[in-house]
């Protein structure tokens, strides 16, 4: 019988946010495919779990997926984790999940933390319908076109951003999408967690007063009916 692939959400910061089910699965599988083996190793050590780790990140995803599927075909149970949060959401894992499904292998979600849903839940913006955009393209032209395509989007929009590009991204949101209400969260669930709310210009000024730190999540209000392209 083939094994099972478990897609396991891990904490985005506070280690106490891991579920009991996630810990049980991580303790029972034969091996864990991890985006960052060092970070996953710290989580496992915190909870006294010892399991073989398979490195699985963007650069090796295409090559490593067939190897992991072969293990699953041989009857081994594997867990897939990202460095933080829910795998596949702007993290590696799509190729492995697709290959496992094509091979007839069971893929089971073990849900948990996600920076996108965490910030949405406290944003104060409409959350009945939203769009997740992940990271914007690195190339200026593609990035601008992506933002232009969202200018008339009525749903709340969620982005991820690195500390190196947060100022640039907020400036471009203001320029292309407009002076909207935004919510920016950084270091979510960690000691220095901070959530800023307001118009884009006001949030930019607040961020400029302190050094950029950690990963950022941005929630942008959707377009009003009278806001056209």
N, C-alpha and C. Protein backbone atom coordinates (compact mmCIF):
# COMPACT_ATOMS: atom_id res chain seq x y z
N UNK A 1 0.84 -1.20 0.00
CA UNK A 1 0.00 0.00 0.00
C UNK A 1 0.87 1.25 0.00
N UNK A 2 0.51 2.25 -0.81
CA UNK A 2 1.29 3.50 -0.78
C UNK A 2 1.07 4.24 0.52
N UNK A 3 1.99 5.13 0.81
CA UNK A 3 1.87 5.94 2.01
C UNK A 3 0.96 7.13 1.78
N UNK A 4 0.92 8.03 2.75
CA UNK A 4 0.09 9.23 2.70
C UNK A 4 0.99 10.46 2.81
N UNK A 5 0.64 11.48 2.05
CA UNK A 5 1.33 12.76 2.15
C UNK A 5 0.46 13.70 2.98
N UNK A 6 1.00 14.17 4.09
CA UNK A 6 0.29 15.12 4.95
C UNK A 6 0.86 16.52 4.71
N UNK A 7 -0.01 17.46 4.40
CA UNK A 7 0.39 18.86 4.21
C UNK A 7 0.09 19.57 5.52
N UNK A 8 1.15 19.87 6.27
CA UNK A 8 1.01 20.28 7.67
C UNK A 8 1.33 21.77 7.84
N UNK A 9 0.38 22.52 8.38
CA UNK A 9 0.62 23.92 8.72
C UNK A 9 1.40 24.01 10.02
N UNK A 10 2.39 24.89 10.05
CA UNK A 10 3.20 25.10 11.25
C UNK A 10 3.08 26.56 11.69
N UNK A 11 3.52 26.91 12.90
CA UNK A 11 3.37 28.28 13.39
C UNK A 11 4.06 29.31 12.50
N UNK A 12 3.49 30.52 12.44
CA UNK A 12 4.12 31.61 11.69
C UNK A 12 5.05 32.41 12.60
N UNK A 13 5.06 32.09 13.87
CA UNK A 13 5.93 32.79 14.81
C UNK A 13 5.90 32.12 16.17
N UNK A 14 4.80 32.29 16.86
CA UNK A 14 4.64 31.71 18.20
C UNK A 14 4.50 30.20 18.11
N UNK A 15 5.43 29.47 18.70
CA UNK A 15 5.43 28.01 18.60
C UNK A 15 4.21 27.37 19.25
N UNK A 16 3.52 28.10 20.11
CA UNK A 16 2.33 27.55 20.77
C UNK A 16 1.14 27.47 19.82
N UNK A 17 1.26 28.05 18.63
CA UNK A 17 0.15 28.03 17.69
C UNK A 17 0.05 26.75 16.88
N UNK A 18 0.93 25.80 17.09
CA UNK A 18 0.84 24.53 16.38
C UNK A 18 -0.28 23.70 16.99
N UNK A 19 -1.01 22.96 16.15
CA UNK A 19 -2.13 22.16 16.66
C UNK A 19 -1.66 20.82 17.20
N UNK A 20 -2.46 20.24 18.07
CA UNK A 20 -2.15 18.92 18.60
C UNK A 20 -2.15 17.88 17.49
N UNK A 21 -3.02 18.05 16.52
CA UNK A 21 -3.07 17.11 15.40
C UNK A 21 -1.80 17.20 14.57
N UNK A 22 -1.31 18.44 14.34
CA UNK A 22 -0.07 18.61 13.59
C UNK A 22 1.09 17.92 14.30
N UNK A 23 1.19 18.09 15.61
CA UNK A 23 2.26 17.45 16.36
C UNK A 23 2.15 15.93 16.29
N UNK A 24 0.92 15.42 16.36
CA UNK A 24 0.73 13.97 16.28
C UNK A 24 1.19 13.44 14.93
N UNK A 25 0.83 14.12 13.87
CA UNK A 25 1.22 13.69 12.52
C UNK A 25 2.73 13.77 12.35
N UNK A 26 3.34 14.87 12.78
CA UNK A 26 4.80 15.02 12.65
C UNK A 26 5.53 13.95 13.45
N UNK A 27 4.92 13.51 14.53
CA UNK A 27 5.55 12.47 15.34
C UNK A 27 5.36 11.06 14.79
N UNK A 28 4.41 10.90 13.84
CA UNK A 28 4.09 9.56 13.35
C UNK A 28 4.63 9.27 11.95
N UNK A 29 4.88 10.30 11.15
CA UNK A 29 5.33 10.06 9.78
C UNK A 29 6.74 9.49 9.76
N UNK A 30 7.12 8.97 8.60
CA UNK A 30 8.45 8.39 8.45
C UNK A 30 9.51 9.45 8.18
N UNK A 31 9.12 10.55 7.55
CA UNK A 31 10.07 11.63 7.26
C UNK A 31 9.29 12.90 6.98
N UNK A 32 10.00 14.02 7.04
CA UNK A 32 9.36 15.33 6.85
C UNK A 32 10.11 16.09 5.76
N UNK A 33 9.38 16.54 4.73
CA UNK A 33 9.94 17.38 3.68
C UNK A 33 9.76 18.83 4.13
N UNK A 34 10.87 19.54 4.32
CA UNK A 34 10.82 20.87 4.93
C UNK A 34 11.48 21.91 4.04
N UNK A 35 10.83 23.08 3.92
CA UNK A 35 11.41 24.18 3.15
C UNK A 35 12.71 24.67 3.79
N UNK A 36 12.72 24.76 5.11
CA UNK A 36 13.90 25.20 5.85
C UNK A 36 14.14 24.18 6.97
N UNK A 37 15.09 23.27 6.76
CA UNK A 37 15.29 22.18 7.72
C UNK A 37 15.74 22.70 9.09
N UNK A 38 16.48 23.81 9.11
CA UNK A 38 16.93 24.36 10.39
C UNK A 38 15.74 24.88 11.20
N UNK A 39 14.87 25.61 10.55
CA UNK A 39 13.71 26.16 11.25
C UNK A 39 12.77 25.05 11.71
N UNK A 40 12.53 24.08 10.81
CA UNK A 40 11.68 22.95 11.20
C UNK A 40 12.34 22.15 12.30
N UNK A 41 13.65 22.02 12.25
CA UNK A 41 14.37 21.30 13.30
C UNK A 41 14.17 21.93 14.66
N UNK A 42 14.14 23.26 14.72
CA UNK A 42 13.91 23.95 16.00
C UNK A 42 12.51 23.67 16.52
N UNK A 43 11.52 23.66 15.61
CA UNK A 43 10.14 23.35 16.02
C UNK A 43 10.06 21.93 16.57
N UNK A 44 10.66 20.98 15.87
CA UNK A 44 10.61 19.59 16.31
C UNK A 44 11.33 19.42 17.65
N UNK A 45 12.48 20.07 17.81
CA UNK A 45 13.22 19.96 19.06
C UNK A 45 12.42 20.54 20.22
N UNK A 46 11.69 21.62 19.97
CA UNK A 46 10.88 22.25 21.02
C UNK A 46 9.85 21.27 21.57
N UNK A 47 9.35 20.40 20.69
CA UNK A 47 8.31 19.46 21.12
C UNK A 47 8.84 18.03 21.26
N UNK A 48 10.17 17.87 21.24
CA UNK A 48 10.76 16.56 21.48
C UNK A 48 10.49 15.54 20.39
N UNK A 49 10.39 15.99 19.14
CA UNK A 49 10.14 15.10 18.01
C UNK A 49 11.42 14.91 17.22
N UNK A 50 11.77 13.68 16.93
CA UNK A 50 12.95 13.37 16.13
C UNK A 50 12.52 12.61 14.88
N UNK A 51 12.70 13.23 13.73
CA UNK A 51 12.34 12.62 12.46
C UNK A 51 13.36 13.01 11.40
N UNK A 52 13.60 12.14 10.42
CA UNK A 52 14.47 12.51 9.30
C UNK A 52 13.86 13.68 8.52
N UNK A 53 14.69 14.63 8.13
CA UNK A 53 14.22 15.79 7.38
C UNK A 53 14.74 15.71 5.95
N UNK A 54 13.85 15.99 4.99
CA UNK A 54 14.21 16.07 3.58
C UNK A 54 14.13 17.54 3.17
N UNK A 55 15.21 18.09 2.67
CA UNK A 55 15.20 19.48 2.24
C UNK A 55 14.33 19.64 1.00
N UNK A 56 13.39 20.59 1.05
CA UNK A 56 12.45 20.77 -0.07
C UNK A 56 12.12 22.25 -0.19
N UNK A 57 12.87 22.96 -1.05
CA UNK A 57 12.66 24.39 -1.24
C UNK A 57 12.59 24.68 -2.74
N UNK A 58 12.36 25.94 -3.10
CA UNK A 58 12.09 26.30 -4.49
C UNK A 58 13.10 25.74 -5.47
N UNK A 59 14.36 25.88 -5.17
CA UNK A 59 15.41 25.52 -6.13
C UNK A 59 15.49 24.02 -6.40
N UNK A 60 15.02 23.18 -5.46
CA UNK A 60 15.13 21.73 -5.63
C UNK A 60 13.77 21.06 -5.78
N UNK A 61 12.71 21.86 -5.81
CA UNK A 61 11.36 21.28 -5.81
C UNK A 61 11.14 20.34 -6.99
N UNK A 62 11.50 20.77 -8.19
CA UNK A 62 11.26 19.95 -9.37
C UNK A 62 12.04 18.65 -9.32
N UNK A 63 13.27 18.70 -8.85
CA UNK A 63 14.11 17.50 -8.79
C UNK A 63 13.72 16.59 -7.63
N UNK A 64 13.34 17.17 -6.50
CA UNK A 64 13.10 16.38 -5.31
C UNK A 64 11.71 15.71 -5.30
N UNK A 65 10.74 16.28 -6.01
CA UNK A 65 9.38 15.73 -5.98
C UNK A 65 9.31 14.27 -6.40
N UNK A 66 9.93 13.86 -7.54
CA UNK A 66 9.87 12.44 -7.91
C UNK A 66 10.48 11.52 -6.85
N UNK A 67 11.53 11.98 -6.18
CA UNK A 67 12.15 11.17 -5.14
C UNK A 67 11.19 10.94 -3.97
N UNK A 68 10.47 12.01 -3.60
CA UNK A 68 9.53 11.89 -2.48
C UNK A 68 8.32 11.05 -2.88
N UNK A 69 7.87 11.18 -4.12
CA UNK A 69 6.76 10.34 -4.58
C UNK A 69 7.17 8.87 -4.58
N UNK A 70 8.41 8.60 -4.93
CA UNK A 70 8.89 7.21 -4.89
C UNK A 70 8.82 6.66 -3.47
N UNK A 71 9.18 7.50 -2.48
CA UNK A 71 9.07 7.07 -1.09
C UNK A 71 7.62 6.78 -0.72
N UNK A 72 6.73 7.65 -1.17
CA UNK A 72 5.30 7.46 -0.88
C UNK A 72 4.78 6.18 -1.53
N UNK A 73 5.20 5.93 -2.77
CA UNK A 73 4.79 4.70 -3.46
C UNK A 73 5.27 3.46 -2.71
N UNK A 74 6.43 3.59 -2.06
CA UNK A 74 7.00 2.46 -1.33
C UNK A 74 6.32 2.23 0.02
N UNK A 75 5.35 3.07 0.36
CA UNK A 75 4.60 2.86 1.59
C UNK A 75 4.99 3.75 2.75
N UNK A 76 5.89 4.69 2.52
CA UNK A 76 6.31 5.59 3.59
C UNK A 76 5.36 6.78 3.68
N UNK A 77 5.02 7.16 4.91
CA UNK A 77 4.19 8.35 5.14
C UNK A 77 5.09 9.56 5.30
N UNK A 78 4.75 10.64 4.61
CA UNK A 78 5.58 11.85 4.64
C UNK A 78 4.73 13.06 5.03
N UNK A 79 5.37 14.02 5.67
CA UNK A 79 4.75 15.30 5.96
C UNK A 79 5.47 16.37 5.16
N UNK A 80 4.71 17.32 4.64
CA UNK A 80 5.27 18.48 3.95
C UNK A 80 5.02 19.71 4.80
N UNK A 81 6.08 20.46 5.12
CA UNK A 81 5.94 21.69 5.88
C UNK A 81 6.73 22.79 5.19
N UNK A 82 6.27 24.03 5.36
CA UNK A 82 7.04 25.18 4.88
C UNK A 82 7.80 25.77 6.06
N UNK A 83 8.53 26.85 5.83
CA UNK A 83 9.29 27.41 6.96
C UNK A 83 8.37 28.01 8.00
N UNK A 84 7.16 28.40 7.59
CA UNK A 84 6.17 28.93 8.53
C UNK A 84 4.82 28.97 7.85
N UNK A 85 3.77 28.68 8.61
CA UNK A 85 2.42 28.79 8.07
C UNK A 85 2.00 27.57 7.26
N UNK A 86 1.09 27.80 6.32
CA UNK A 86 0.50 26.73 5.53
C UNK A 86 1.27 26.53 4.24
N UNK A 87 1.76 25.31 3.97
CA UNK A 87 2.49 25.05 2.74
C UNK A 87 1.68 25.40 1.49
N UNK A 88 2.39 25.71 0.40
CA UNK A 88 1.85 26.03 -0.91
C UNK A 88 1.32 27.46 -1.02
N UNK A 89 1.04 28.15 0.11
CA UNK A 89 0.58 29.54 0.03
C UNK A 89 1.82 30.44 -0.04
N UNK A 90 2.24 30.73 -1.27
CA UNK A 90 3.49 31.46 -1.54
C UNK A 90 4.69 30.70 -1.00
N UNK A 91 4.58 29.39 -0.93
CA UNK A 91 5.66 28.51 -0.48
C UNK A 91 5.71 27.29 -1.38
N UNK A 92 6.83 26.54 -1.38
CA UNK A 92 6.94 25.35 -2.22
C UNK A 92 5.92 24.28 -1.83
N UNK A 93 5.67 23.37 -2.77
CA UNK A 93 4.80 22.24 -2.47
C UNK A 93 3.87 21.85 -3.59
N UNK A 94 3.58 22.76 -4.51
CA UNK A 94 2.61 22.45 -5.56
C UNK A 94 3.02 21.22 -6.38
N UNK A 95 4.29 21.19 -6.80
CA UNK A 95 4.73 20.08 -7.65
C UNK A 95 4.61 18.74 -6.92
N UNK A 96 4.94 18.72 -5.65
CA UNK A 96 4.86 17.48 -4.90
C UNK A 96 3.41 17.03 -4.72
N UNK A 97 2.55 17.96 -4.35
CA UNK A 97 1.13 17.61 -4.17
C UNK A 97 0.54 17.12 -5.49
N UNK A 98 0.83 17.83 -6.59
CA UNK A 98 0.30 17.43 -7.90
C UNK A 98 0.81 16.06 -8.30
N UNK A 99 2.11 15.82 -8.10
CA UNK A 99 2.69 14.54 -8.48
C UNK A 99 2.13 13.41 -7.63
N UNK A 100 1.91 13.68 -6.34
CA UNK A 100 1.35 12.66 -5.46
C UNK A 100 -0.08 12.31 -5.88
N UNK A 101 -0.87 13.32 -6.18
CA UNK A 101 -2.25 13.07 -6.61
C UNK A 101 -2.28 12.30 -7.93
N UNK A 102 -1.39 12.68 -8.87
CA UNK A 102 -1.34 11.97 -10.15
C UNK A 102 -0.93 10.51 -9.97
N UNK A 103 -0.19 10.22 -8.90
CA UNK A 103 0.25 8.85 -8.62
C UNK A 103 -0.78 8.07 -7.80
N UNK A 104 -1.92 8.70 -7.52
CA UNK A 104 -2.96 8.02 -6.76
C UNK A 104 -2.71 7.95 -5.27
N UNK A 105 -1.87 8.83 -4.78
CA UNK A 105 -1.51 8.85 -3.36
C UNK A 105 -2.43 9.80 -2.61
N UNK A 106 -2.86 9.42 -1.43
CA UNK A 106 -3.71 10.27 -0.61
C UNK A 106 -2.92 11.48 -0.12
N UNK A 107 -3.52 12.67 -0.26
CA UNK A 107 -2.92 13.91 0.25
C UNK A 107 -3.89 14.49 1.27
N UNK A 108 -3.43 14.63 2.51
CA UNK A 108 -4.32 15.01 3.62
C UNK A 108 -3.89 16.35 4.20
N UNK A 109 -4.82 17.33 4.29
CA UNK A 109 -4.46 18.62 4.88
C UNK A 109 -4.51 18.57 6.41
N UNK A 110 -3.50 19.16 7.04
CA UNK A 110 -3.49 19.35 8.48
C UNK A 110 -3.47 20.88 8.70
N UNK A 111 -4.63 21.50 8.81
CA UNK A 111 -4.71 22.97 8.76
C UNK A 111 -4.17 23.64 10.01
N UNK A 112 -3.88 24.93 9.84
CA UNK A 112 -3.35 25.69 10.97
C UNK A 112 -3.09 27.12 10.58
N UNK A 113 -1.99 27.67 11.08
CA UNK A 113 -1.70 29.09 10.95
C UNK A 113 -1.44 29.52 9.51
N UNK A 114 -1.82 30.77 9.22
CA UNK A 114 -1.51 31.42 7.96
C UNK A 114 -1.49 32.92 8.22
N UNK A 115 -0.43 33.59 7.76
CA UNK A 115 -0.33 35.03 7.98
C UNK A 115 -1.48 35.77 7.31
N UNK A 116 -1.90 35.28 6.14
CA UNK A 116 -2.98 35.95 5.41
C UNK A 116 -4.28 35.95 6.20
N UNK A 117 -4.70 34.80 6.66
CA UNK A 117 -5.97 34.73 7.39
C UNK A 117 -5.85 35.35 8.77
N UNK A 118 -4.67 35.28 9.37
CA UNK A 118 -4.48 35.90 10.69
C UNK A 118 -4.71 37.40 10.61
N UNK A 119 -4.10 38.06 9.62
CA UNK A 119 -4.25 39.51 9.51
C UNK A 119 -5.65 39.88 9.02
N UNK A 120 -6.19 39.12 8.10
CA UNK A 120 -7.55 39.39 7.64
C UNK A 120 -8.54 39.40 8.80
N UNK A 121 -8.37 38.48 9.73
CA UNK A 121 -9.34 38.33 10.82
C UNK A 121 -9.38 39.54 11.74
N UNK A 122 -8.31 40.33 11.78
CA UNK A 122 -8.28 41.51 12.65
C UNK A 122 -8.14 42.81 11.86
N UNK A 123 -8.30 42.74 10.54
CA UNK A 123 -8.06 43.90 9.69
C UNK A 123 -9.14 44.97 9.83
N UNK A 124 -10.35 44.56 10.12
CA UNK A 124 -11.44 45.52 10.13
C UNK A 124 -11.96 45.83 8.73
N UNK A 125 -11.44 45.15 7.71
CA UNK A 125 -11.91 45.30 6.34
C UNK A 125 -12.79 44.10 5.98
N UNK A 126 -13.63 44.22 4.96
CA UNK A 126 -14.52 43.11 4.58
C UNK A 126 -13.74 41.84 4.29
N UNK A 127 -14.18 40.73 4.85
CA UNK A 127 -13.48 39.45 4.66
C UNK A 127 -14.40 38.37 4.09
N UNK A 128 -15.64 38.74 3.75
CA UNK A 128 -16.53 37.74 3.17
C UNK A 128 -16.07 37.29 1.79
N UNK A 129 -15.32 38.19 1.10
CA UNK A 129 -14.72 37.86 -0.19
C UNK A 129 -13.37 38.57 -0.25
N UNK A 130 -12.33 37.84 -0.60
CA UNK A 130 -11.02 38.46 -0.70
C UNK A 130 -10.17 37.76 -1.76
N UNK A 131 -9.11 38.45 -2.19
CA UNK A 131 -8.19 37.95 -3.20
C UNK A 131 -6.80 37.83 -2.58
N UNK A 132 -6.18 36.68 -2.74
CA UNK A 132 -4.82 36.50 -2.23
C UNK A 132 -3.85 36.59 -3.40
N UNK A 133 -2.96 37.58 -3.37
CA UNK A 133 -2.01 37.80 -4.46
C UNK A 133 -0.60 37.33 -4.13
N UNK A 134 -0.34 36.98 -2.89
CA UNK A 134 1.01 36.55 -2.52
C UNK A 134 2.02 37.65 -2.75
N UNK A 135 3.21 37.29 -3.23
CA UNK A 135 4.25 38.27 -3.53
C UNK A 135 4.06 38.83 -4.93
N UNK A 136 4.20 40.13 -5.09
CA UNK A 136 4.12 40.75 -6.40
C UNK A 136 5.36 40.38 -7.23
N UNK A 137 5.26 40.45 -8.56
CA UNK A 137 6.43 40.13 -9.41
C UNK A 137 7.61 41.05 -9.10
N UNK A 138 8.81 40.54 -9.29
CA UNK A 138 10.01 41.32 -9.02
C UNK A 138 10.27 42.37 -10.09
N UNK A 139 9.94 42.08 -11.35
CA UNK A 139 10.20 43.01 -12.44
C UNK A 139 9.20 44.17 -12.40
N UNK A 140 9.69 45.41 -12.50
CA UNK A 140 8.82 46.59 -12.37
C UNK A 140 7.61 46.59 -13.31
N UNK A 141 7.83 46.23 -14.58
CA UNK A 141 6.73 46.24 -15.54
C UNK A 141 5.64 45.25 -15.18
N UNK A 142 6.02 44.03 -14.85
CA UNK A 142 5.04 43.02 -14.47
C UNK A 142 4.34 43.39 -13.18
N UNK A 143 5.10 43.98 -12.25
CA UNK A 143 4.51 44.37 -10.97
C UNK A 143 3.45 45.45 -11.17
N UNK A 144 3.76 46.43 -11.99
CA UNK A 144 2.81 47.50 -12.24
C UNK A 144 1.55 46.98 -12.94
N UNK A 145 1.74 46.09 -13.91
CA UNK A 145 0.57 45.53 -14.61
C UNK A 145 -0.30 44.74 -13.66
N UNK A 146 0.33 44.02 -12.74
CA UNK A 146 -0.47 43.26 -11.75
C UNK A 146 -1.30 44.21 -10.89
N UNK A 147 -0.69 45.30 -10.45
CA UNK A 147 -1.41 46.27 -9.63
C UNK A 147 -2.51 46.97 -10.43
N UNK A 148 -2.23 47.28 -11.69
CA UNK A 148 -3.25 47.91 -12.52
C UNK A 148 -4.46 47.01 -12.69
N UNK A 149 -4.21 45.70 -12.76
CA UNK A 149 -5.30 44.75 -12.88
C UNK A 149 -6.16 44.65 -11.62
N UNK A 150 -5.61 45.14 -10.50
CA UNK A 150 -6.34 45.08 -9.22
C UNK A 150 -7.00 46.41 -8.86
N UNK A 151 -6.81 47.43 -9.69
CA UNK A 151 -7.31 48.76 -9.34
C UNK A 151 -8.82 48.80 -9.18
N UNK A 152 -9.53 48.07 -10.00
CA UNK A 152 -10.99 48.06 -9.92
C UNK A 152 -11.53 46.81 -9.22
N UNK A 153 -10.65 46.05 -8.55
CA UNK A 153 -11.06 44.83 -7.83
C UNK A 153 -11.89 45.21 -6.60
N UNK A 154 -13.16 44.78 -6.51
CA UNK A 154 -14.00 45.16 -5.38
C UNK A 154 -13.73 44.37 -4.10
N UNK A 155 -13.04 43.25 -4.23
CA UNK A 155 -12.77 42.43 -3.05
C UNK A 155 -11.52 42.91 -2.32
N UNK A 156 -11.44 42.62 -1.05
CA UNK A 156 -10.24 42.92 -0.26
C UNK A 156 -9.07 42.13 -0.85
N UNK A 157 -7.89 42.75 -0.92
CA UNK A 157 -6.72 42.12 -1.55
C UNK A 157 -5.63 41.92 -0.50
N UNK A 158 -4.99 40.76 -0.53
CA UNK A 158 -3.93 40.42 0.42
C UNK A 158 -2.62 40.17 -0.33
N UNK A 159 -1.56 40.81 0.15
CA UNK A 159 -0.22 40.62 -0.40
C UNK A 159 0.73 40.16 0.71
N UNK A 160 1.82 39.50 0.29
CA UNK A 160 2.97 39.27 1.16
C UNK A 160 4.11 40.15 0.66
N UNK A 161 4.98 40.58 1.57
CA UNK A 161 6.13 41.36 1.14
C UNK A 161 7.29 41.20 2.11
N UNK A 162 8.50 41.34 1.57
CA UNK A 162 9.71 41.24 2.37
C UNK A 162 10.04 42.60 2.97
N UNK A 163 10.88 42.64 4.01
CA UNK A 163 11.25 43.93 4.61
C UNK A 163 12.02 44.82 3.63
N UNK A 164 12.69 44.23 2.66
CA UNK A 164 13.49 45.00 1.72
C UNK A 164 12.63 45.79 0.73
N UNK A 165 11.39 45.34 0.51
CA UNK A 165 10.57 45.94 -0.54
C UNK A 165 9.24 46.52 -0.03
N UNK A 166 9.03 46.54 1.27
CA UNK A 166 7.74 46.98 1.78
C UNK A 166 7.46 48.43 1.42
N UNK A 167 8.45 49.31 1.54
CA UNK A 167 8.24 50.73 1.22
C UNK A 167 7.91 50.90 -0.26
N UNK A 168 8.66 50.23 -1.11
CA UNK A 168 8.42 50.30 -2.55
C UNK A 168 7.01 49.83 -2.90
N UNK A 169 6.60 48.72 -2.31
CA UNK A 169 5.29 48.16 -2.62
C UNK A 169 4.16 49.08 -2.18
N UNK A 170 4.26 49.63 -0.98
CA UNK A 170 3.22 50.55 -0.51
C UNK A 170 3.17 51.81 -1.37
N UNK A 171 4.33 52.30 -1.80
CA UNK A 171 4.36 53.47 -2.67
C UNK A 171 3.66 53.17 -4.00
N UNK A 172 3.90 51.99 -4.54
CA UNK A 172 3.28 51.63 -5.81
C UNK A 172 1.79 51.36 -5.66
N UNK A 173 1.39 50.81 -4.52
CA UNK A 173 -0.04 50.64 -4.26
C UNK A 173 -0.73 52.00 -4.25
N UNK A 174 -0.12 52.97 -3.58
CA UNK A 174 -0.69 54.32 -3.52
C UNK A 174 -0.76 54.94 -4.91
N UNK A 175 0.28 54.74 -5.71
CA UNK A 175 0.34 55.35 -7.03
C UNK A 175 -0.62 54.71 -8.02
N UNK A 176 -0.69 53.38 -8.02
CA UNK A 176 -1.45 52.65 -9.04
C UNK A 176 -2.88 52.35 -8.60
N UNK A 177 -3.05 51.82 -7.41
CA UNK A 177 -4.38 51.46 -6.93
C UNK A 177 -5.08 52.67 -6.32
N UNK A 178 -4.34 53.50 -5.60
CA UNK A 178 -4.93 54.70 -5.04
C UNK A 178 -4.79 54.78 -3.54
N UNK A 179 -5.25 55.87 -2.98
CA UNK A 179 -5.13 56.14 -1.54
C UNK A 179 -6.24 55.38 -0.80
N UNK A 180 -6.04 54.09 -0.65
CA UNK A 180 -7.01 53.20 -0.01
C UNK A 180 -6.69 53.00 1.46
N UNK A 181 -7.65 52.44 2.18
CA UNK A 181 -7.39 51.95 3.52
C UNK A 181 -6.57 50.67 3.40
N UNK A 182 -5.52 50.56 4.21
CA UNK A 182 -4.70 49.36 4.22
C UNK A 182 -4.43 48.94 5.66
N UNK A 183 -4.07 47.68 5.81
CA UNK A 183 -3.63 47.15 7.10
C UNK A 183 -2.33 46.41 6.83
N UNK A 184 -1.30 46.75 7.57
CA UNK A 184 0.01 46.11 7.40
C UNK A 184 0.39 45.43 8.71
N UNK A 185 0.71 44.16 8.63
CA UNK A 185 1.14 43.41 9.81
C UNK A 185 2.56 42.90 9.63
N UNK A 186 3.37 43.01 10.68
CA UNK A 186 4.71 42.45 10.63
C UNK A 186 4.99 41.71 11.93
N UNK A 187 5.84 40.70 11.82
CA UNK A 187 6.20 39.87 12.97
C UNK A 187 4.93 39.31 13.65
N UNK A 188 3.95 38.91 12.83
CA UNK A 188 2.69 38.42 13.39
C UNK A 188 2.91 37.24 14.32
N UNK A 189 2.30 37.28 15.47
CA UNK A 189 2.33 36.30 16.57
C UNK A 189 3.65 36.29 17.32
N UNK A 190 4.61 37.13 16.93
CA UNK A 190 5.92 37.16 17.59
C UNK A 190 5.95 38.25 18.66
N UNK A 191 7.07 38.35 19.35
CA UNK A 191 7.22 39.29 20.45
C UNK A 191 7.00 40.73 19.99
N UNK A 192 7.53 41.07 18.81
CA UNK A 192 7.44 42.44 18.32
C UNK A 192 6.34 42.60 17.27
N UNK A 193 5.29 41.84 17.40
CA UNK A 193 4.16 41.97 16.47
C UNK A 193 3.66 43.41 16.42
N UNK A 194 3.37 43.87 15.20
CA UNK A 194 2.83 45.22 15.03
C UNK A 194 1.82 45.20 13.89
N UNK A 195 0.70 45.85 14.10
CA UNK A 195 -0.34 45.97 13.08
C UNK A 195 -0.68 47.44 12.91
N UNK A 196 -0.52 47.94 11.70
CA UNK A 196 -0.78 49.34 11.38
C UNK A 196 -2.01 49.43 10.48
N UNK A 197 -2.89 50.36 10.79
CA UNK A 197 -4.11 50.55 10.00
C UNK A 197 -4.24 52.01 9.60
N UNK A 198 -4.81 52.25 8.42
CA UNK A 198 -5.04 53.62 7.99
C UNK A 198 -4.93 53.74 6.49
N UNK A 199 -4.91 54.97 6.00
CA UNK A 199 -4.70 55.21 4.59
C UNK A 199 -3.24 54.87 4.25
N UNK A 200 -3.01 54.57 2.98
CA UNK A 200 -1.67 54.13 2.57
C UNK A 200 -0.60 55.13 2.99
N UNK A 201 -0.85 56.43 2.77
CA UNK A 201 0.16 57.44 3.08
C UNK A 201 0.50 57.46 4.56
N UNK A 202 -0.51 57.32 5.42
CA UNK A 202 -0.28 57.35 6.86
C UNK A 202 0.51 56.13 7.31
N UNK A 203 0.18 54.97 6.77
CA UNK A 203 0.90 53.74 7.13
C UNK A 203 2.35 53.83 6.64
N UNK A 204 2.57 54.39 5.49
CA UNK A 204 3.94 54.55 4.98
C UNK A 204 4.76 55.44 5.92
N UNK A 205 4.16 56.50 6.40
CA UNK A 205 4.89 57.39 7.31
C UNK A 205 5.24 56.67 8.60
N UNK A 206 4.32 55.87 9.11
CA UNK A 206 4.59 55.13 10.35
C UNK A 206 5.71 54.12 10.16
N UNK A 207 5.71 53.43 9.04
CA UNK A 207 6.76 52.44 8.78
C UNK A 207 8.12 53.09 8.59
N UNK A 208 8.13 54.29 8.03
CA UNK A 208 9.40 54.97 7.77
C UNK A 208 10.11 55.39 9.05
N UNK A 209 9.38 55.40 10.16
CA UNK A 209 9.97 55.84 11.43
C UNK A 209 10.76 54.76 12.14
N UNK A 210 10.74 53.55 11.62
CA UNK A 210 11.43 52.44 12.30
C UNK A 210 12.03 51.52 11.26
N UNK A 211 13.05 50.76 11.60
CA UNK A 211 13.68 49.86 10.63
C UNK A 211 12.75 48.73 10.23
N UNK A 212 12.84 48.33 8.97
CA UNK A 212 12.03 47.20 8.49
C UNK A 212 12.51 45.92 9.17
N UNK A 213 11.55 45.08 9.55
CA UNK A 213 11.90 43.86 10.28
C UNK A 213 10.89 42.77 9.97
N UNK A 214 11.36 41.58 9.66
CA UNK A 214 10.49 40.44 9.48
C UNK A 214 9.68 40.49 8.20
N UNK A 215 8.86 39.47 8.01
CA UNK A 215 7.99 39.41 6.84
C UNK A 215 6.73 40.24 7.07
N UNK A 216 6.22 40.82 5.99
CA UNK A 216 5.04 41.69 6.07
C UNK A 216 3.86 41.06 5.35
N UNK A 217 2.68 41.32 5.88
CA UNK A 217 1.42 40.99 5.21
C UNK A 217 0.65 42.29 5.04
N UNK A 218 0.10 42.51 3.85
CA UNK A 218 -0.61 43.74 3.52
C UNK A 218 -2.03 43.40 3.11
N UNK A 219 -2.99 44.07 3.71
CA UNK A 219 -4.40 43.91 3.33
C UNK A 219 -4.88 45.26 2.80
N UNK A 220 -5.42 45.27 1.59
CA UNK A 220 -5.84 46.51 0.93
C UNK A 220 -7.35 46.46 0.70
N UNK A 221 -8.04 47.54 1.04
CA UNK A 221 -9.48 47.62 0.82
C UNK A 221 -9.79 47.53 -0.68
N UNK A 222 -10.91 46.91 -1.01
CA UNK A 222 -11.33 46.79 -2.40
C UNK A 222 -11.84 48.12 -2.94
N UNK A 223 -12.00 48.17 -4.26
CA UNK A 223 -12.49 49.38 -4.90
C UNK A 223 -13.97 49.60 -4.60
N UNK A 224 -14.34 50.85 -4.43
CA UNK A 224 -15.75 51.21 -4.30
C UNK A 224 -16.42 51.21 -5.67
N UNK A 225 -17.74 51.22 -5.70
CA UNK A 225 -18.45 51.12 -6.96
C UNK A 225 -18.11 52.26 -7.92
N UNK A 226 -17.82 53.45 -7.37
CA UNK A 226 -17.56 54.59 -8.23
C UNK A 226 -16.08 54.74 -8.57
N UNK A 227 -15.26 53.74 -8.18
CA UNK A 227 -13.84 53.76 -8.52
C UNK A 227 -13.61 52.88 -9.75
N UNK A 228 -13.42 53.47 -10.88
CA UNK A 228 -13.18 52.72 -12.10
C UNK A 228 -11.75 52.80 -12.50
N UNK A 229 -11.44 52.10 -13.60
CA UNK A 229 -10.08 52.13 -14.13
C UNK A 229 -9.88 53.40 -14.94
